[in-house]
Protein backbone atom coordinates (compact mmCIF):
# COMPACT_ATOMS: atom_id res chain seq x y z
CA MET A 1 104.72 -97.12 8.81
CA ASN A 2 106.87 -102.49 8.52
CA ARG A 3 103.25 -103.40 6.65
CA SER A 4 99.91 -101.24 6.08
CA THR A 5 97.97 -101.18 8.77
CA PRO A 6 94.11 -101.64 7.64
CA SER A 7 91.31 -99.71 9.01
CA PRO A 8 90.09 -101.56 12.15
CA SER A 9 87.01 -103.57 11.47
CA LEU A 10 83.88 -104.06 13.54
CA VAL A 11 83.46 -107.20 15.33
CA SER A 12 80.06 -107.62 17.02
CA LYS A 13 80.57 -110.42 18.53
CA ALA A 14 83.29 -112.40 20.11
CA SER A 15 85.85 -114.30 18.29
CA PRO A 16 85.52 -118.16 18.43
CA GLY A 17 85.78 -119.44 21.48
CA SER A 18 85.23 -116.85 23.91
CA LYS A 19 82.22 -117.04 25.96
CA PRO A 20 79.56 -114.04 25.56
CA SER A 21 78.43 -112.29 28.53
CA PRO A 22 75.92 -113.79 30.52
CA SER A 23 72.48 -111.73 30.00
CA PRO A 24 68.85 -112.58 31.20
CA THR A 25 67.60 -110.57 28.03
CA ALA A 26 68.41 -110.19 24.06
CA GLY A 27 68.50 -106.22 24.82
CA THR A 28 71.22 -103.72 26.13
CA LYS A 29 74.51 -105.76 27.19
CA ARG A 30 75.25 -104.19 30.42
CA LYS A 31 78.22 -104.44 32.83
CA ARG A 32 77.08 -107.39 35.00
CA ASN A 33 78.97 -109.12 38.35
CA GLY A 34 82.04 -107.42 37.25
CA VAL A 35 81.77 -108.39 33.52
CA LYS A 36 84.04 -106.00 31.10
CA TYR A 37 84.27 -105.99 27.30
CA TYR A 38 87.74 -105.61 26.15
CA ALA A 39 87.80 -103.96 22.67
CA VAL A 40 90.80 -104.27 20.56
CA LYS A 41 91.17 -101.67 17.68
CA ALA A 42 94.82 -102.69 16.60
CA GLY A 43 96.17 -106.05 17.04
CA HIS A 44 96.39 -109.71 15.40
CA LYS A 45 92.37 -109.48 15.25
CA PRO A 46 90.53 -106.74 16.06
CA GLY A 47 86.94 -107.23 17.85
CA ILE A 48 85.52 -107.08 21.06
CA TYR A 49 86.35 -109.77 23.74
CA TYR A 50 85.19 -110.98 26.93
CA GLY A 51 87.85 -112.35 28.68
CA TRP A 52 91.59 -110.84 29.53
CA ASP A 53 93.41 -113.19 28.55
CA GLU A 54 91.90 -113.37 24.93
CA CYS A 55 92.27 -109.41 24.74
CA LEU A 56 95.95 -109.93 25.51
CA ALA A 57 96.55 -112.78 22.88
CA GLN A 58 95.60 -109.95 20.57
CA VAL A 59 97.99 -107.42 21.35
CA THR A 60 100.97 -109.41 22.65
CA GLY A 61 103.72 -109.16 19.90
CA PHE A 62 101.60 -106.50 17.81
CA LYS A 63 103.47 -103.63 17.59
CA GLY A 64 101.48 -100.07 18.16
CA ALA A 65 98.22 -102.16 19.44
CA ILE A 66 95.24 -99.95 20.77
CA PHE A 67 92.46 -101.74 22.90
CA GLN A 68 90.90 -100.95 26.00
CA SER A 69 88.21 -102.18 28.44
CA PHE A 70 84.43 -100.99 28.83
CA PRO A 71 81.46 -102.17 31.07
CA SER A 72 79.25 -102.18 28.37
CA GLN A 73 79.30 -103.68 24.65
CA GLU A 74 77.97 -100.50 23.50
CA GLU A 75 80.80 -98.39 24.54
CA ALA A 76 83.11 -101.23 23.39
CA SER A 77 81.34 -101.31 19.75
CA ALA A 78 81.73 -97.26 19.85
CA PHE A 79 85.23 -97.63 20.52
CA LEU A 80 85.83 -99.75 17.54
CA LYS A 81 83.91 -97.08 15.24
CA GLY A 82 85.86 -94.51 16.34
CA ILE A 83 82.39 -92.64 17.20
CA LYS A 84 80.95 -91.48 20.88
CA PRO A 85 79.48 -93.75 23.19
CA PRO A 86 75.59 -93.75 22.94
CA ALA A 87 73.68 -91.59 25.23
CA GLY A 88 73.01 -93.74 28.78
CA ALA A 89 76.20 -95.50 28.48
CA SER A 90 78.03 -95.45 31.67
CA GLN A 91 80.21 -93.18 32.70
CA SER A 92 81.23 -93.34 36.15
CA SER A 93 83.13 -90.67 37.27
CA GLU A 94 85.03 -92.51 40.23
CA ASN A 95 86.55 -95.09 37.62
CA THR A 96 87.89 -92.68 35.89
CA ARG A 97 91.56 -92.75 35.39
CA TYR A 98 94.20 -90.07 34.38
CA TYR A 99 96.82 -90.24 32.29
CA GLY A 100 100.06 -88.03 32.66
CA ILE A 101 102.19 -88.07 29.69
CA GLN A 102 105.81 -86.34 30.96
CA ARG A 103 107.45 -87.34 27.76
CA GLY A 104 105.62 -87.54 24.45
CA ARG A 105 104.46 -85.96 21.27
CA VAL A 106 102.14 -83.94 23.04
CA THR A 107 102.37 -83.39 26.86
CA GLY A 108 99.88 -83.57 29.15
CA VAL A 109 96.98 -85.48 31.21
CA TYR A 110 94.21 -87.71 29.17
CA THR A 111 91.52 -89.30 30.21
CA ASP A 112 91.30 -91.24 27.00
CA TRP A 113 93.62 -94.18 26.79
CA THR A 114 93.54 -94.25 23.11
CA LYS A 115 94.18 -90.47 22.91
CA ALA A 116 97.25 -91.47 25.53
CA GLN A 117 98.73 -94.18 23.10
CA GLU A 118 99.11 -91.79 20.55
CA GLN A 119 101.39 -89.49 22.08
CA ILE A 120 103.80 -92.25 23.37
CA ARG A 121 103.59 -95.06 20.70
CA GLY A 122 106.76 -94.81 18.60
CA PHE A 123 108.09 -92.31 20.59
CA PRO A 124 111.51 -92.77 21.76
CA ARG A 125 111.99 -93.33 25.56
CA PRO A 126 108.36 -91.87 26.69
CA ARG A 127 107.39 -91.16 29.84
CA TYR A 128 103.91 -91.68 31.39
CA ARG A 129 101.94 -93.38 34.31
CA LYS A 130 98.50 -93.82 35.00
CA PHE A 131 96.74 -92.21 38.38
CA GLY A 132 93.41 -92.08 40.23
CA THR A 133 92.81 -88.17 40.40
CA ARG A 134 93.70 -85.26 37.84
CA GLU A 135 95.48 -83.61 40.76
CA GLU A 136 98.52 -86.29 40.68
CA ALA A 137 98.85 -86.84 37.22
CA GLU A 138 99.46 -82.80 36.58
CA ALA A 139 101.53 -82.80 39.04
CA PHE A 140 103.44 -85.71 37.32
CA VAL A 141 103.44 -83.94 34.01
CA ARG A 142 104.88 -79.95 35.52
CA GLU A 143 107.65 -82.34 37.21
CA GLY A 144 108.88 -83.61 33.65
CA GLN A 145 108.51 -80.06 32.89
CA ALA A 146 110.57 -78.55 35.38
CA GLN A 147 113.34 -80.97 34.21
CA PRO A 148 115.78 -80.09 31.13
CA PRO A 149 116.08 -82.74 28.38
CA ALA A 150 118.94 -85.26 29.32
CA GLY A 151 121.94 -84.48 27.37
CA PHE A 152 120.33 -81.65 25.24
CA GLY A 153 122.71 -78.99 24.28
CA THR A 154 125.93 -81.08 25.68
CA PRO A 155 128.87 -81.61 23.83
CA SER A 156 129.18 -85.37 22.97
CA GLU A 157 130.75 -87.57 20.02
CA PRO A 158 128.60 -90.03 18.17
CA PRO A 159 127.68 -93.33 19.99
CA GLY A 160 129.62 -95.84 18.78
CA THR A 161 132.66 -93.84 17.51
CA THR A 162 136.43 -95.53 17.53
CA ILE A 163 139.74 -94.21 16.08
CA GLU A 164 140.41 -97.96 16.04
CA ARG A 165 139.26 -99.24 12.39
CA PRO A 166 137.72 -102.45 11.96
CA LYS A 167 139.62 -105.74 10.80
CA ASP A 168 138.53 -109.03 9.96
CA GLU A 169 139.61 -112.16 11.50
CA ASP A 170 143.38 -112.30 9.75
CA GLY A 171 144.10 -108.75 10.33
CA VAL A 172 143.20 -107.13 6.95
CA GLU A 173 141.58 -104.10 7.73
CA TYR A 174 137.64 -103.88 6.12
CA GLU A 175 137.16 -101.34 3.44
CA PRO A 176 134.89 -98.16 4.27
CA GLY A 177 131.98 -99.30 5.06
CA ASP A 178 132.07 -103.06 4.52
CA GLY A 179 133.39 -103.56 8.46
CA PRO A 180 130.50 -104.75 11.19
CA LEU A 181 128.86 -101.70 12.92
CA PRO A 182 130.73 -100.83 15.83
CA ALA A 183 129.26 -101.51 19.36
CA GLY A 184 127.10 -98.63 20.20
CA ALA A 185 126.36 -97.32 17.08
CA GLU A 186 123.02 -96.14 16.89
CA ASP A 187 120.18 -96.37 14.06
CA GLY A 188 122.14 -98.70 12.00
CA PHE A 189 124.92 -96.12 11.29
CA ASP A 190 128.58 -96.00 11.58
CA PRO A 191 129.99 -93.11 12.46
CA ASN A 192 133.44 -93.35 11.68
CA VAL A 193 132.96 -93.41 8.04
CA ILE A 194 132.15 -90.39 5.33
CA LEU A 195 130.59 -90.10 2.28
CA ASP A 196 133.16 -88.06 0.40
CA PRO A 197 131.37 -85.20 -1.79
CA ALA A 198 134.30 -85.06 -4.36
CA THR A 199 134.42 -89.04 -5.03
CA GLY A 200 131.14 -89.81 -4.14
CA LYS A 201 133.17 -92.96 -2.33
CA VAL A 202 132.56 -94.11 1.48
CA VAL A 203 136.05 -93.61 3.51
CA TYR A 204 137.14 -93.52 6.69
CA LYS A 205 137.06 -90.14 8.94
CA THR A 206 140.16 -88.60 9.38
CA VAL A 207 141.61 -88.08 12.95
CA SER A 208 140.37 -84.57 13.02
CA GLN A 209 137.26 -85.02 12.19
CA MET A 210 137.00 -87.92 14.36
CA THR A 211 138.38 -85.82 17.46
CA ALA A 212 136.40 -82.86 16.55
CA THR A 213 133.29 -81.87 18.86
CA LYS A 214 130.37 -80.15 18.46
CA THR A 215 127.20 -79.15 21.07
CA GLN A 216 124.54 -81.18 19.37
CA SER A 217 120.90 -82.20 20.80
CA THR A 218 120.41 -85.74 22.28
CA GLY A 219 116.78 -84.83 22.04
CA ILE A 220 114.31 -85.70 19.39
CA PRO A 221 115.81 -86.75 16.28
CA GLY A 222 115.54 -84.48 13.37
CA MET A 223 114.50 -84.95 9.36
CA LEU A 224 115.99 -88.10 7.97
CA ARG A 225 116.71 -88.12 4.48
CA ILE A 226 115.94 -91.40 2.34
CA TYR A 227 116.99 -91.80 -1.70
CA THR A 228 114.83 -94.00 -3.41
CA ASP A 229 115.28 -95.12 -7.14
CA GLY A 230 114.08 -97.98 -9.68
CA SER A 231 115.73 -99.65 -12.71
CA SER A 232 114.52 -101.78 -15.34
CA LEU A 233 116.73 -104.02 -17.59
CA GLN A 234 115.94 -105.85 -20.67
CA ASN A 235 112.54 -104.65 -21.84
CA GLY A 236 110.82 -105.94 -24.32
CA THR A 237 112.16 -109.29 -23.71
CA PRO A 238 110.83 -111.97 -21.79
CA TRP A 239 113.46 -111.49 -19.15
CA ALA A 240 112.50 -107.99 -18.98
CA SER A 241 112.77 -107.30 -15.01
CA ALA A 242 112.47 -104.47 -12.98
CA GLY A 243 114.78 -103.19 -9.78
CA VAL A 244 113.68 -101.55 -6.73
CA GLY A 245 116.73 -99.35 -4.66
CA VAL A 246 116.16 -97.63 -0.97
CA TYR A 247 119.51 -95.85 0.38
CA PHE A 248 119.54 -94.68 4.01
CA GLY A 249 123.32 -94.58 4.19
CA PRO A 250 126.58 -96.36 3.61
CA GLY A 251 126.59 -99.73 5.30
CA ASP A 252 123.05 -99.52 6.46
CA SER A 253 121.29 -102.61 7.50
CA ARG A 254 117.81 -100.71 6.21
CA ASN A 255 119.03 -100.52 2.63
CA VAL A 256 116.67 -102.02 0.05
CA SER A 257 117.98 -103.83 -3.42
CA GLU A 258 115.41 -106.33 -4.86
CA PRO A 259 113.65 -107.03 -7.83
CA LEU A 260 110.15 -105.72 -8.51
CA MET A 261 107.66 -108.07 -7.59
CA GLY A 262 104.38 -108.62 -10.04
CA ASN A 263 104.03 -109.28 -14.01
CA ARG A 264 104.14 -105.73 -14.37
CA GLN A 265 107.94 -105.15 -14.78
CA THR A 266 108.12 -101.49 -15.18
CA ASN A 267 110.47 -98.45 -14.11
CA GLN A 268 107.47 -96.32 -12.81
CA ARG A 269 105.96 -99.39 -10.70
CA ALA A 270 109.85 -99.75 -9.65
CA GLU A 271 110.03 -96.10 -8.53
CA LEU A 272 106.85 -96.27 -6.65
CA THR A 273 107.48 -99.40 -4.92
CA ALA A 274 111.12 -98.07 -3.86
CA ILE A 275 108.93 -94.93 -2.14
CA LEU A 276 106.73 -97.25 -0.71
CA ARG A 277 109.23 -99.43 0.71
CA ALA A 278 111.30 -96.59 2.38
CA ILE A 279 108.06 -94.98 4.06
CA ASP A 280 107.46 -98.37 5.35
CA ILE A 281 110.71 -98.93 6.79
CA ALA A 282 110.98 -95.48 7.90
CA PRO A 283 111.18 -95.33 11.83
CA ARG A 284 107.05 -93.90 12.44
CA HIS A 285 108.22 -91.20 14.45
CA ARG A 286 110.69 -89.37 12.33
CA ASP A 287 110.19 -86.75 9.78
CA VAL A 288 111.52 -88.13 6.34
CA THR A 289 112.21 -86.46 3.08
CA ILE A 290 112.61 -88.85 -0.01
CA VAL A 291 114.90 -87.97 -2.23
CA SER A 292 113.85 -89.61 -5.82
CA ASP A 293 114.73 -88.57 -9.22
CA SER A 294 111.34 -89.59 -10.68
CA LYS A 295 109.04 -86.43 -11.18
CA TYR A 296 106.42 -88.87 -12.01
CA ALA A 297 106.68 -90.94 -8.52
CA ILE A 298 106.97 -87.71 -6.88
CA ASN A 299 103.75 -86.12 -8.72
CA CYS A 300 101.58 -89.10 -8.13
CA VAL A 301 101.34 -88.86 -4.49
CA THR A 302 101.72 -85.16 -4.29
CA ASP A 303 99.58 -83.34 -6.51
CA TRP A 304 97.98 -85.54 -9.45
CA PHE A 305 96.16 -87.86 -6.68
CA VAL A 306 93.76 -85.11 -5.89
CA ASN A 307 92.37 -84.87 -8.86
CA TRP A 308 92.20 -88.55 -9.33
CA ARG A 309 90.41 -89.10 -6.54
CA ARG A 310 87.81 -86.66 -7.26
CA ASN A 311 87.02 -88.66 -10.64
CA ASN A 312 87.00 -91.97 -9.10
CA TRP A 313 90.51 -92.61 -9.89
CA MET A 314 90.32 -91.71 -13.78
CA THR A 315 92.19 -89.82 -16.02
CA ARG A 316 91.17 -86.63 -18.10
CA ASP A 317 91.00 -89.29 -20.88
CA ASN A 318 88.49 -91.19 -18.91
CA LYS A 319 90.94 -94.02 -18.88
CA PRO A 320 92.12 -95.97 -15.31
CA VAL A 321 95.13 -94.65 -13.90
CA GLU A 322 98.06 -96.62 -14.08
CA ASN A 323 99.70 -97.81 -10.78
CA ARG A 324 96.79 -96.71 -8.32
CA ASP A 325 97.36 -100.11 -6.27
CA LEU A 326 100.92 -98.30 -5.37
CA ILE A 327 99.82 -94.98 -5.20
CA GLU A 328 96.64 -95.76 -2.82
CA SER A 329 99.26 -97.74 -0.70
CA ILE A 330 101.86 -94.94 -0.31
CA LEU A 331 98.96 -92.48 0.42
CA VAL A 332 97.76 -94.40 3.13
CA LYS A 333 101.25 -94.60 4.64
CA ILE A 334 101.65 -91.11 4.13
CA GLU A 335 98.16 -90.19 5.93
CA GLU A 336 98.87 -92.67 9.10
CA ARG A 337 102.05 -90.36 9.47
CA ILE A 338 100.14 -87.13 9.33
CA ASP A 339 97.67 -88.71 12.25
CA LEU A 340 100.66 -89.30 14.08
CA LYS A 341 101.75 -85.51 13.19
CA VAL A 342 104.99 -86.50 11.58
CA LYS A 343 106.29 -84.71 8.34
CA THR A 344 106.57 -86.68 5.00
CA LYS A 345 108.70 -84.58 2.45
CA PHE A 346 109.55 -85.09 -0.78
CA GLU A 347 112.89 -83.85 -3.00
CA TRP A 348 113.40 -84.25 -6.56
CA VAL A 349 116.99 -84.35 -7.77
CA LYS A 350 118.10 -84.91 -11.32
CA GLY A 351 119.40 -88.69 -12.30
CA HIS A 352 122.67 -89.49 -13.05
CA ASN A 353 124.02 -85.85 -12.06
CA LYS A 354 126.79 -86.92 -9.36
CA ASP A 355 124.49 -86.50 -6.55
CA ALA A 356 126.24 -89.33 -4.15
CA GLY A 357 122.88 -90.23 -2.45
CA ASN A 358 121.34 -90.66 -5.91
CA GLU A 359 123.97 -92.89 -7.34
CA GLN A 360 124.03 -95.35 -4.54
CA ALA A 361 120.35 -95.92 -4.79
CA ASP A 362 120.52 -96.26 -8.17
CA LYS A 363 123.00 -99.01 -7.77
CA LEU A 364 121.00 -100.58 -5.36
CA ALA A 365 118.00 -100.37 -7.83
CA VAL A 366 119.99 -101.79 -10.89
CA ALA A 367 121.57 -104.77 -8.59
CA GLY A 368 117.93 -105.47 -8.06
CA ALA A 369 116.70 -105.66 -11.57
CA GLN A 370 119.87 -107.75 -12.11
CA ALA A 371 119.08 -110.26 -9.53
CA GLY A 372 115.36 -110.28 -11.30
CA VAL A 373 116.65 -111.00 -14.43
CA ALA A 374 118.86 -113.97 -13.00
CA ALA A 375 116.03 -115.21 -11.78
CA ARG A 376 114.11 -115.10 -14.74
CA PHE A 377 116.59 -116.66 -16.46
CA GLU A 378 116.88 -119.80 -14.05
CA LEU A 379 113.21 -120.10 -13.97
CA GLN A 380 112.71 -120.31 -18.02
CA SER A 381 115.74 -122.60 -17.54
CA ILE A 382 113.27 -124.74 -14.95
CA LEU A 383 110.59 -124.69 -17.40
CA ASP A 384 112.70 -125.65 -20.46
CA ASP A 385 113.59 -128.91 -18.67
CA MET A 386 110.61 -129.83 -17.42
CA ASP A 387 109.31 -129.61 -21.14
CA ASN A 388 112.29 -131.49 -22.51
CA GLU A 389 111.43 -134.03 -20.04
CA ARG A 390 107.97 -134.17 -20.50
CA GLU A 391 108.55 -134.42 -24.62
CA GLU A 392 111.02 -136.88 -23.61
CA ARG A 393 108.36 -139.29 -21.97
CA GLU A 394 106.26 -138.71 -24.77
CA ARG A 395 108.37 -140.03 -27.13
CA GLU A 396 109.09 -142.89 -24.53
CA LEU A 397 105.46 -143.94 -24.24
CA GLU A 398 104.94 -143.38 -28.08
CA GLU A 399 107.78 -146.03 -28.97
CA GLU A 400 106.08 -148.44 -26.21
CA GLU A 401 102.93 -148.58 -27.75
CA GLU A 402 104.69 -149.02 -31.26
CA GLU A 403 106.16 -152.04 -29.27
CA GLU A 404 103.36 -153.25 -27.85
CA GLU A 405 101.31 -153.13 -31.52
CA GLU A 406 104.00 -155.03 -33.27
CA ILE A 407 103.83 -157.77 -30.80
């Protein structure tokens, strides 16, 4: 789930600039003369809007937008709150729409667009359509069930496979994993390289490995393994800095190597931040396994948080739980994925024990911490220069005052 999705808050009136629905009384606002109420549950600015153009502005470009039109403000408000519409709300059967989901998480016919969106949002190449009758929608769904998934169970090579190794403009061959991704490569992965388990280094595939074929599914993607790690350097000094490492694979553009943000530069915060970044970057429709060498970080988000929540985030010693902000952010992401019926698993691996993925994540984390140390040195240098300039200016002012007194 690229940023946290906050729970949508109810906006009982339109945003500035929107025109309220004409109503002769201050009572129930109902559909009059074709007026519709557009409820935006997930968008740039959630709320109720009285014009389609305003609603469109809030959902355009917003990934995973959730919105729906209603004939009354009560129904729109109930939609935002996630509750049933009040008694007496208009439920015209002739206006019922049927959404046939032919390819999605759970196929079938839906009359609630919000529920239908949950089945297709983030799902690769979904197929769905709106119908005026249930019979048409059901026929559409059955049509999809009668067709086998395209490419399922057929021999194929990974997209982007090529025998020729990439070279730079001077004709020099790139080191494995350093060259540009080949045309057609999917998911940011170069299918022409492989991680040598014996050395832990990225190497080009051999000819036999390149030409080998196997029957594979091109249907729903499987479990994605992501390695995370944290590092801290210069502990106990003014330049102490922690780093975050997230490793998806060799040459993967999603790999993360960055300094830990904030004043609290600890290894534990770096470990938790790495997990948060991994879940944030991972596709929302993919099951993932987070591989970490931090038992602390894993226990925080799989076990210990249960009692902490029950005790209002206090420990057994009646002290506030450390790193609560990061732990809660991770739990929000996990719960969002649970709502989408997507798995988030954790796996512990012993650090510095020749696990290739863990070693790569460690390198990324150390590089991030080193960048943080360098940035702190640079910042300290700038502050020192500013102090020197200020002291020099103060001396000049004192000398000028002394000269004026002598005159």
